[in-house]
């Protein structure tokens, strides 16, 4: 799997929400993915992004930096078949 496919996976997955701490959502524009380890069948990736916080009126109230590591496994066709957050 190439880096662009890994970046696209993280831009589309709901897993990043598990890193949000204040009930906000991930800002894909601030998303950065670093591949720490890669094999033919998977990778360990470090991700950083800003969590967008919203007020009751729908206005952006702030941003919180978030980060974490995930282990991905993919099949022969390059589809992610397993993704898990690492401690």
PDB file of N, CA and C in Angstrom:
ATOM      1  N   UNK A   1       0.868  -1.173   0.000  1.00  0.00           N
ATOM      2  CA  UNK A   1       0.000   0.000   0.000  1.00  0.00           C
ATOM      3  C   UNK A   1       0.908   1.227   0.000  1.00  0.00           C
ATOM      4  N   UNK A   2       0.586   2.193  -0.825  1.00  0.00           N
ATOM      5  CA  UNK A   2       1.440   3.382  -0.889  1.00  0.00           C
ATOM      6  C   UNK A   2       0.959   4.457   0.092  1.00  0.00           C
ATOM      7  N   UNK A   3       1.794   5.448   0.294  1.00  0.00           N
ATOM      8  CA  UNK A   3       1.530   6.510   1.284  1.00  0.00           C
ATOM      9  C   UNK A   3       0.233   7.257   0.983  1.00  0.00           C
ATOM     10  N   UNK A   4      -0.048   7.496  -0.292  1.00  0.00           N
ATOM     11  CA  UNK A   4      -1.290   8.216  -0.634  1.00  0.00           C
ATOM     12  C   UNK A   4      -2.525   7.434  -0.201  1.00  0.00           C
ATOM     13  N   UNK A   5      -2.482   6.121  -0.372  1.00  0.00           N
ATOM     14  CA  UNK A   5      -3.613   5.285   0.036  1.00  0.00           C
ATOM     15  C   UNK A   5      -3.769   5.293   1.556  1.00  0.00           C
ATOM     16  N   UNK A   6      -2.656   5.288   2.269  1.00  0.00           N
ATOM     17  CA  UNK A   6      -2.702   5.358   3.737  1.00  0.00           C
ATOM     18  C   UNK A   6      -3.273   6.713   4.170  1.00  0.00           C
ATOM     19  N   UNK A   7      -2.818   7.797   3.554  1.00  0.00           N
ATOM     20  CA  UNK A   7      -3.347   9.129   3.869  1.00  0.00           C
ATOM     21  C   UNK A   7      -4.848   9.185   3.606  1.00  0.00           C
ATOM     22  N   UNK A   8      -5.280   8.625   2.472  1.00  0.00           N
ATOM     23  CA  UNK A   8      -6.704   8.635   2.123  1.00  0.00           C
ATOM     24  C   UNK A   8      -7.510   7.825   3.140  1.00  0.00           C
ATOM     25  N   UNK A   9      -6.960   6.692   3.584  1.00  0.00           N
ATOM     26  CA  UNK A   9      -7.660   5.883   4.585  1.00  0.00           C
ATOM     27  C   UNK A   9      -7.910   6.703   5.851  1.00  0.00           C
ATOM     28  N   UNK A  10      -6.882   7.380   6.351  1.00  0.00           N
ATOM     29  CA  UNK A  10      -7.056   8.143   7.587  1.00  0.00           C
ATOM     30  C   UNK A  10      -7.976   9.353   7.394  1.00  0.00           C
ATOM     31  N   UNK A  11      -8.019   9.910   6.212  1.00  0.00           N
ATOM     32  CA  UNK A  11      -8.923  11.033   5.958  1.00  0.00           C
ATOM     33  C   UNK A  11     -10.385  10.588   5.952  1.00  0.00           C
ATOM     34  N   UNK A  12     -10.615   9.298   5.687  1.00  0.00           N
ATOM     35  CA  UNK A  12     -11.987   8.799   5.564  1.00  0.00           C
ATOM     36  C   UNK A  12     -12.470   7.987   6.768  1.00  0.00           C
ATOM     37  N   UNK A  13     -11.563   7.483   7.599  1.00  0.00           N
ATOM     38  CA  UNK A  13     -11.971   6.605   8.698  1.00  0.00           C
ATOM     39  C   UNK A  13     -12.565   7.379   9.873  1.00  0.00           C
ATOM     40  N   UNK A  14     -13.420   6.703  10.609  1.00  0.00           N
ATOM     41  CA  UNK A  14     -13.974   7.293  11.827  1.00  0.00           C
ATOM     42  C   UNK A  14     -13.083   7.009  13.038  1.00  0.00           C
ATOM     43  N   UNK A  15     -12.013   6.233  12.845  1.00  0.00           N
ATOM     44  CA  UNK A  15     -11.105   5.906  13.951  1.00  0.00           C
ATOM     45  C   UNK A  15     -10.472   7.133  14.596  1.00  0.00           C
ATOM     46  N   UNK A  16     -10.249   8.182  13.821  1.00  0.00           N
ATOM     47  CA  UNK A  16      -9.600   9.365  14.391  1.00  0.00           C
ATOM     48  C   UNK A  16     -10.428   9.983  15.505  1.00  0.00           C
ATOM     49  N   UNK A  17     -11.734   9.813  15.441  1.00  0.00           N
ATOM     50  CA  UNK A  17     -12.605  10.366  16.490  1.00  0.00           C
ATOM     51  C   UNK A  17     -12.284   9.763  17.851  1.00  0.00           C
ATOM     52  N   UNK A  18     -11.677   8.573  17.884  1.00  0.00           N
ATOM     53  CA  UNK A  18     -11.324   7.960  19.165  1.00  0.00           C
ATOM     54  C   UNK A  18     -10.213   8.736  19.865  1.00  0.00           C
ATOM     55  N   UNK A  19      -9.513   9.588  19.136  1.00  0.00           N
ATOM     56  CA  UNK A  19      -8.457  10.410  19.726  1.00  0.00           C
ATOM     57  C   UNK A  19      -8.978  11.758  20.221  1.00  0.00           C
ATOM     58  N   UNK A  20     -10.181  12.126  19.810  1.00  0.00           N
ATOM     59  CA  UNK A  20     -10.764  13.405  20.226  1.00  0.00           C
ATOM     60  C   UNK A  20     -11.176  13.318  21.687  1.00  0.00           C
ATOM     61  N   UNK A  21     -10.839  14.341  22.458  1.00  0.00           N
ATOM     62  CA  UNK A  21     -11.084  14.293  23.898  1.00  0.00           C
ATOM     63  C   UNK A  21     -12.214  15.205  24.372  1.00  0.00           C
ATOM     64  N   UNK A  22     -12.708  16.085  23.483  1.00  0.00           N
ATOM     65  CA  UNK A  22     -13.687  17.067  23.944  1.00  0.00           C
ATOM     66  C   UNK A  22     -14.939  17.102  23.078  1.00  0.00           C
ATOM     67  N   UNK A  23     -15.312  15.926  22.538  1.00  0.00           N
ATOM     68  CA  UNK A  23     -16.532  15.778  21.756  1.00  0.00           C
ATOM     69  C   UNK A  23     -16.529  16.617  20.475  1.00  0.00           C
ATOM     70  N   UNK A  24     -15.347  16.886  19.952  1.00  0.00           N
ATOM     71  CA  UNK A  24     -15.242  17.595  18.681  1.00  0.00           C
ATOM     72  C   UNK A  24     -15.051  16.602  17.552  1.00  0.00           C
ATOM     73  N   UNK A  25     -14.523  17.095  16.434  1.00  0.00           N
ATOM     74  CA  UNK A  25     -14.245  16.191  15.333  1.00  0.00           C
ATOM     75  C   UNK A  25     -12.904  16.526  14.702  1.00  0.00           C
ATOM     76  N   UNK A  26     -12.287  15.543  14.035  1.00  0.00           N
ATOM     77  CA  UNK A  26     -10.967  15.762  13.436  1.00  0.00           C
ATOM     78  C   UNK A  26     -11.033  16.727  12.257  1.00  0.00           C
ATOM     79  N   UNK A  27     -10.058  17.598  12.194  1.00  0.00           N
ATOM     80  CA  UNK A  27      -9.922  18.520  11.062  1.00  0.00           C
ATOM     81  C   UNK A  27      -8.999  17.859  10.041  1.00  0.00           C
ATOM     82  N   UNK A  28      -9.570  17.361   8.938  1.00  0.00           N
ATOM     83  CA  UNK A  28      -8.766  16.682   7.920  1.00  0.00           C
ATOM     84  C   UNK A  28      -7.728  17.601   7.285  1.00  0.00           C
ATOM     85  N   UNK A  29      -7.967  18.906   7.301  1.00  0.00           N
ATOM     86  CA  UNK A  29      -6.992  19.840   6.722  1.00  0.00           C
ATOM     87  C   UNK A  29      -5.703  19.886   7.548  1.00  0.00           C
ATOM     88  N   UNK A  30      -5.778  19.547   8.817  1.00  0.00           N
ATOM     89  CA  UNK A  30      -4.585  19.562   9.673  1.00  0.00           C
ATOM     90  C   UNK A  30      -3.985  18.160   9.856  1.00  0.00           C
ATOM     91  N   UNK A  31      -4.596  17.153   9.245  1.00  0.00           N
ATOM     92  CA  UNK A  31      -4.170  15.760   9.418  1.00  0.00           C
ATOM     93  C   UNK A  31      -2.795  15.515   8.804  1.00  0.00           C
ATOM     94  N   UNK A  32      -1.919  14.919   9.599  1.00  0.00           N
ATOM     95  CA  UNK A  32      -0.599  14.505   9.130  1.00  0.00           C
ATOM     96  C   UNK A  32      -0.391  13.055   9.542  1.00  0.00           C
ATOM     97  N   UNK A  33       0.061  12.245   8.596  1.00  0.00           N
ATOM     98  CA  UNK A  33       0.272  10.818   8.833  1.00  0.00           C
ATOM     99  C   UNK A  33       1.737  10.492   8.556  1.00  0.00           C
ATOM    100  N   UNK A  34       2.358   9.831   9.506  1.00  0.00           N
ATOM    101  CA  UNK A  34       3.738   9.381   9.333  1.00  0.00           C
ATOM    102  C   UNK A  34       3.758   7.858   9.464  1.00  0.00           C
ATOM    103  N   UNK A  35       4.321   7.204   8.462  1.00  0.00           N
ATOM    104  CA  UNK A  35       4.450   5.752   8.508  1.00  0.00           C
ATOM    105  C   UNK A  35       5.717   5.444   9.299  1.00  0.00           C
ATOM    106  N   UNK A  36       5.556   4.820  10.454  1.00  0.00           N
ATOM    107  CA  UNK A  36       6.690   4.507  11.335  1.00  0.00           C
ATOM    108  C   UNK A  36       7.338   3.175  10.975  1.00  0.00           C
ATOM    109  N   UNK A  37       6.516   2.197  10.628  1.00  0.00           N
ATOM    110  CA  UNK A  37       6.982   0.865  10.236  1.00  0.00           C
ATOM    111  C   UNK A  37       6.066   0.385   9.130  1.00  0.00           C
ATOM    112  N   UNK A  38       6.614  -0.327   8.141  1.00  0.00           N
ATOM    113  CA  UNK A  38       5.765  -0.880   7.093  1.00  0.00           C
ATOM    114  C   UNK A  38       6.298  -2.229   6.647  1.00  0.00           C
ATOM    115  N   UNK A  39       5.362  -3.164   6.444  1.00  0.00           N
ATOM    116  CA  UNK A  39       5.677  -4.475   5.902  1.00  0.00           C
ATOM    117  C   UNK A  39       4.780  -4.688   4.683  1.00  0.00           C
ATOM    118  N   UNK A  40       4.871  -5.851   4.085  1.00  0.00           N
ATOM    119  CA  UNK A  40       4.027  -6.146   2.926  1.00  0.00           C
ATOM    120  C   UNK A  40       2.551  -6.231   3.294  1.00  0.00           C
ATOM    121  N   UNK A  41       2.260  -6.547   4.559  1.00  0.00           N
ATOM    122  CA  UNK A  41       0.867  -6.746   4.949  1.00  0.00           C
ATOM    123  C   UNK A  41       0.315  -5.714   5.927  1.00  0.00           C
ATOM    124  N   UNK A  42       1.101  -4.702   6.281  1.00  0.00           N
ATOM    125  CA  UNK A  42       0.584  -3.715   7.220  1.00  0.00           C
ATOM    126  C   UNK A  42       1.569  -2.620   7.544  1.00  0.00           C
ATOM    127  N   UNK A  43       1.164  -1.754   8.470  1.00  0.00           N
ATOM    128  CA  UNK A  43       2.004  -0.625   8.859  1.00  0.00           C
ATOM    129  C   UNK A  43       1.591  -0.118  10.228  1.00  0.00           C
ATOM    130  N   UNK A  44       2.527   0.554  10.872  1.00  0.00           N
ATOM    131  CA  UNK A  44       2.244   1.316  12.086  1.00  0.00           C
ATOM    132  C   UNK A  44       2.382   2.779  11.698  1.00  0.00           C
ATOM    133  N   UNK A  45       1.350   3.551  11.977  1.00  0.00           N
ATOM    134  CA  UNK A  45       1.326   4.952  11.575  1.00  0.00           C
ATOM    135  C   UNK A  45       1.090   5.854  12.781  1.00  0.00           C
ATOM    136  N   UNK A  46       1.758   6.984  12.771  1.00  0.00           N
ATOM    137  CA  UNK A  46       1.551   8.028  13.757  1.00  0.00           C
ATOM    138  C   UNK A  46       0.719   9.111  13.086  1.00  0.00           C
ATOM    139  N   UNK A  47      -0.336   9.559  13.751  1.00  0.00           N
ATOM    140  CA  UNK A  47      -1.195  10.601  13.176  1.00  0.00           C
ATOM    141  C   UNK A  47      -1.284  11.790  14.131  1.00  0.00           C
ATOM    142  N   UNK A  48      -1.349  12.968  13.563  1.00  0.00           N
ATOM    143  CA  UNK A  48      -1.613  14.195  14.321  1.00  0.00           C
ATOM    144  C   UNK A  48      -2.669  14.993  13.572  1.00  0.00           C
ATOM    145  N   UNK A  49      -3.481  15.708  14.314  1.00  0.00           N
ATOM    146  CA  UNK A  49      -4.501  16.580  13.719  1.00  0.00           C
ATOM    147  C   UNK A  49      -5.035  17.487  14.817  1.00  0.00           C
ATOM    148  N   UNK A  50      -5.838  18.458  14.420  1.00  0.00           N
ATOM    149  CA  UNK A  50      -6.512  19.326  15.391  1.00  0.00           C
ATOM    150  C   UNK A  50      -7.957  18.891  15.517  1.00  0.00           C
ATOM    151  N   UNK A  51      -8.406  18.789  16.762  1.00  0.00           N
ATOM    152  CA  UNK A  51      -9.817  18.525  17.047  1.00  0.00           C
ATOM    153  C   UNK A  51     -10.545  19.861  17.007  1.00  0.00           C
ATOM    154  N   UNK A  52     -11.603  19.935  16.224  1.00  0.00           N
ATOM    155  CA  UNK A  52     -12.393  21.162  16.120  1.00  0.00           C
ATOM    156  C   UNK A  52     -13.490  21.131  17.178  1.00  0.00           C
ATOM    157  N   UNK A  53     -13.541  22.179  18.001  1.00  0.00           N
ATOM    158  CA  UNK A  53     -14.561  22.305  19.042  1.00  0.00           C
ATOM    159  C   UNK A  53     -15.582  23.336  18.593  1.00  0.00           C
ATOM    160  N   UNK A  54     -16.866  23.043  18.819  1.00  0.00           N
ATOM    161  CA  UNK A  54     -17.934  23.911  18.347  1.00  0.00           C
ATOM    162  C   UNK A  54     -18.805  24.346  19.520  1.00  0.00           C
ATOM    163  N   UNK A  55     -19.217  25.625  19.485  1.00  0.00           N
ATOM    164  CA  UNK A  55     -20.166  26.148  20.481  1.00  0.00           C
ATOM    165  C   UNK A  55     -21.574  25.714  20.106  1.00  0.00           C
ATOM    166  N   UNK A  56     -22.509  25.928  21.000  1.00  0.00           N
ATOM    167  CA  UNK A  56     -23.902  25.582  20.755  1.00  0.00           C
ATOM    168  C   UNK A  56     -24.484  26.250  19.519  1.00  0.00           C
ATOM    169  N   UNK A  57     -23.996  27.436  19.184  1.00  0.00           N
ATOM    170  CA  UNK A  57     -24.513  28.168  18.025  1.00  0.00           C
ATOM    171  C   UNK A  57     -23.890  27.679  16.720  1.00  0.00           C
ATOM    172  N   UNK A  58     -22.979  26.717  16.804  1.00  0.00           N
ATOM    173  CA  UNK A  58     -22.363  26.188  15.592  1.00  0.00           C
ATOM    174  C   UNK A  58     -21.072  26.882  15.197  1.00  0.00           C
ATOM    175  N   UNK A  59     -20.628  27.838  16.000  1.00  0.00           N
ATOM    176  CA  UNK A  59     -19.385  28.546  15.706  1.00  0.00           C
ATOM    177  C   UNK A  59     -18.208  27.740  16.254  1.00  0.00           C
ATOM    178  N   UNK A  60     -17.078  27.810  15.570  1.00  0.00           N
ATOM    179  CA  UNK A  60     -15.885  27.130  16.050  1.00  0.00           C
ATOM    180  C   UNK A  60     -15.398  27.814  17.318  1.00  0.00           C
ATOM    181  N   UNK A  61     -15.307  27.041  18.393  1.00  0.00           N
ATOM    182  CA  UNK A  61     -14.921  27.585  19.693  1.00  0.00           C
ATOM    183  C   UNK A  61     -13.436  27.411  19.963  1.00  0.00           C
ATOM    184  N   UNK A  62     -12.807  26.510  19.268  1.00  0.00           N
ATOM    185  CA  UNK A  62     -11.390  26.283  19.497  1.00  0.00           C
ATOM    186  C   UNK A  62     -10.900  25.044  18.794  1.00  0.00           C
ATOM    187  N   UNK A  63      -9.619  24.795  18.985  1.00  0.00           N
ATOM    188  CA  UNK A  63      -8.965  23.625  18.392  1.00  0.00           C
ATOM    189  C   UNK A  63      -8.034  23.019  19.433  1.00  0.00           C
ATOM    190  N   UNK A  64      -7.977  21.696  19.457  1.00  0.00           N
ATOM    191  CA  UNK A  64      -7.139  20.987  20.407  1.00  0.00           C
ATOM    192  C   UNK A  64      -6.243  20.037  19.609  1.00  0.00           C
ATOM    193  N   UNK A  65      -4.939  20.071  19.850  1.00  0.00           N
ATOM    194  CA  UNK A  65      -4.067  19.128  19.141  1.00  0.00           C
ATOM    195  C   UNK A  65      -4.298  17.692  19.626  1.00  0.00           C
ATOM    196  N   UNK A  66      -4.316  16.751  18.694  1.00  0.00           N
ATOM    197  CA  UNK A  66      -4.506  15.338  19.010  1.00  0.00           C
ATOM    198  C   UNK A  66      -3.448  14.522  18.281  1.00  0.00           C
ATOM    199  N   UNK A  67      -3.102  13.404  18.865  1.00  0.00           N
ATOM    200  CA  UNK A  67      -2.143  12.513  18.213  1.00  0.00           C
ATOM    201  C   UNK A  67      -2.359  11.094  18.698  1.00  0.00           C
ATOM    202  N   UNK A  68      -1.870  10.145  17.937  1.00  0.00           N
ATOM    203  CA  UNK A  68      -1.975   8.747  18.308  1.00  0.00           C
ATOM    204  C   UNK A  68      -1.292   7.864  17.285  1.00  0.00           C
ATOM    205  N   UNK A  69      -1.248   6.580  17.605  1.00  0.00           N
ATOM    206  CA  UNK A  69      -0.631   5.594  16.706  1.00  0.00           C
ATOM    207  C   UNK A  69      -1.646   4.508  16.402  1.00  0.00           C
ATOM    208  N   UNK A  70      -1.630   4.040  15.160  1.00  0.00           N
ATOM    209  CA  UNK A  70      -2.536   2.985  14.723  1.00  0.00           C
ATOM    210  C   UNK A  70      -1.749   1.917  13.972  1.00  0.00           C
ATOM    211  N   UNK A  71      -2.172   0.676  14.152  1.00  0.00           N
ATOM    212  CA  UNK A  71      -1.615  -0.440  13.394  1.00  0.00           C
ATOM    213  C   UNK A  71      -2.643  -0.823  12.335  1.00  0.00           C
ATOM    214  N   UNK A  72      -2.228  -0.809  11.082  1.00  0.00           N
ATOM    215  CA  UNK A  72      -3.087  -1.178   9.965  1.00  0.00           C
ATOM    216  C   UNK A  72      -2.631  -2.510   9.399  1.00  0.00           C
ATOM    217  N   UNK A  73      -3.585  -3.312   8.949  1.00  0.00           N
ATOM    218  CA  UNK A  73      -3.293  -4.520   8.192  1.00  0.00           C
ATOM    219  C   UNK A  73      -4.140  -4.465   6.937  1.00  0.00           C
ATOM    220  N   UNK A  74      -3.570  -4.858   5.791  1.00  0.00           N
ATOM    221  CA  UNK A  74      -4.326  -4.839   4.542  1.00  0.00           C
ATOM    222  C   UNK A  74      -4.189  -6.163   3.815  1.00  0.00           C
ATOM    223  N   UNK A  75      -5.131  -6.380   2.895  1.00  0.00           N
ATOM    224  CA  UNK A  75      -5.136  -7.617   2.120  1.00  0.00           C
ATOM    225  C   UNK A  75      -4.293  -7.440   0.856  1.00  0.00           C
ATOM    226  N   UNK A  76      -4.259  -8.466   0.037  1.00  0.00           N
ATOM    227  CA  UNK A  76      -3.444  -8.443  -1.176  1.00  0.00           C
ATOM    228  C   UNK A  76      -3.895  -7.366  -2.161  1.00  0.00           C
ATOM    229  N   UNK A  77      -5.158  -6.963  -2.082  1.00  0.00           N
ATOM    230  CA  UNK A  77      -5.677  -5.920  -2.969  1.00  0.00           C
ATOM    231  C   UNK A  77      -5.417  -4.516  -2.429  1.00  0.00           C
ATOM    232  N   UNK A  78      -4.847  -4.417  -1.232  1.00  0.00           N
ATOM    233  CA  UNK A  78      -4.550  -3.118  -0.651  1.00  0.00           C
ATOM    234  C   UNK A  78      -5.676  -2.505   0.155  1.00  0.00           C
ATOM    235  N   UNK A  79      -6.693  -3.294   0.469  1.00  0.00           N
ATOM    236  CA  UNK A  79      -7.800  -2.793   1.298  1.00  0.00           C
ATOM    237  C   UNK A  79      -7.476  -3.027   2.769  1.00  0.00           C
ATOM    238  N   UNK A  80      -7.703  -2.030   3.589  1.00  0.00           N
ATOM    239  CA  UNK A  80      -7.467  -2.177   5.027  1.00  0.00           C
ATOM    240  C   UNK A  80      -8.498  -3.146   5.578  1.00  0.00           C
ATOM    241  N   UNK A  81      -8.022  -4.213   6.212  1.00  0.00           N
ATOM    242  CA  UNK A  81      -8.920  -5.228   6.778  1.00  0.00           C
ATOM    243  C   UNK A  81      -8.950  -5.167   8.297  1.00  0.00           C
ATOM    244  N   UNK A  82      -7.970  -4.483   8.890  1.00  0.00           N
ATOM    245  CA  UNK A  82      -7.934  -4.360  10.338  1.00  0.00           C
ATOM    246  C   UNK A  82      -7.176  -3.063  10.683  1.00  0.00           C
ATOM    247  N   UNK A  83      -7.713  -2.317  11.595  1.00  0.00           N
ATOM    248  CA  UNK A  83      -7.060  -1.101  12.065  1.00  0.00           C
ATOM    249  C   UNK A  83      -7.323  -0.990  13.553  1.00  0.00           C
ATOM    250  N   UNK A  84      -6.256  -0.774  14.307  1.00  0.00           N
ATOM    251  CA  UNK A  84      -6.396  -0.706  15.765  1.00  0.00           C
ATOM    252  C   UNK A  84      -5.495   0.388  16.315  1.00  0.00           C
ATOM    253  N   UNK A  85      -6.009   1.075  17.305  1.00  0.00           N
ATOM    254  CA  UNK A  85      -5.233   2.107  18.005  1.00  0.00           C
ATOM    255  C   UNK A  85      -4.217   1.434  18.910  1.00  0.00           C
ATOM    256  N   UNK A  86      -3.000   1.921  18.889  1.00  0.00           N
ATOM    257  CA  UNK A  86      -1.961   1.401  19.769  1.00  0.00           C
ATOM    258  C   UNK A  86      -1.858   2.274  21.015  1.00  0.00           C
ATOM    259  N   UNK A  87      -1.540   1.655  22.112  1.00  0.00           N
ATOM    260  CA  UNK A  87      -1.412   2.384  23.373  1.00  0.00           C
ATOM    261  C   UNK A  87      -0.118   3.165  23.422  1.00  0.00           C
TER     262      UNK A  87
END
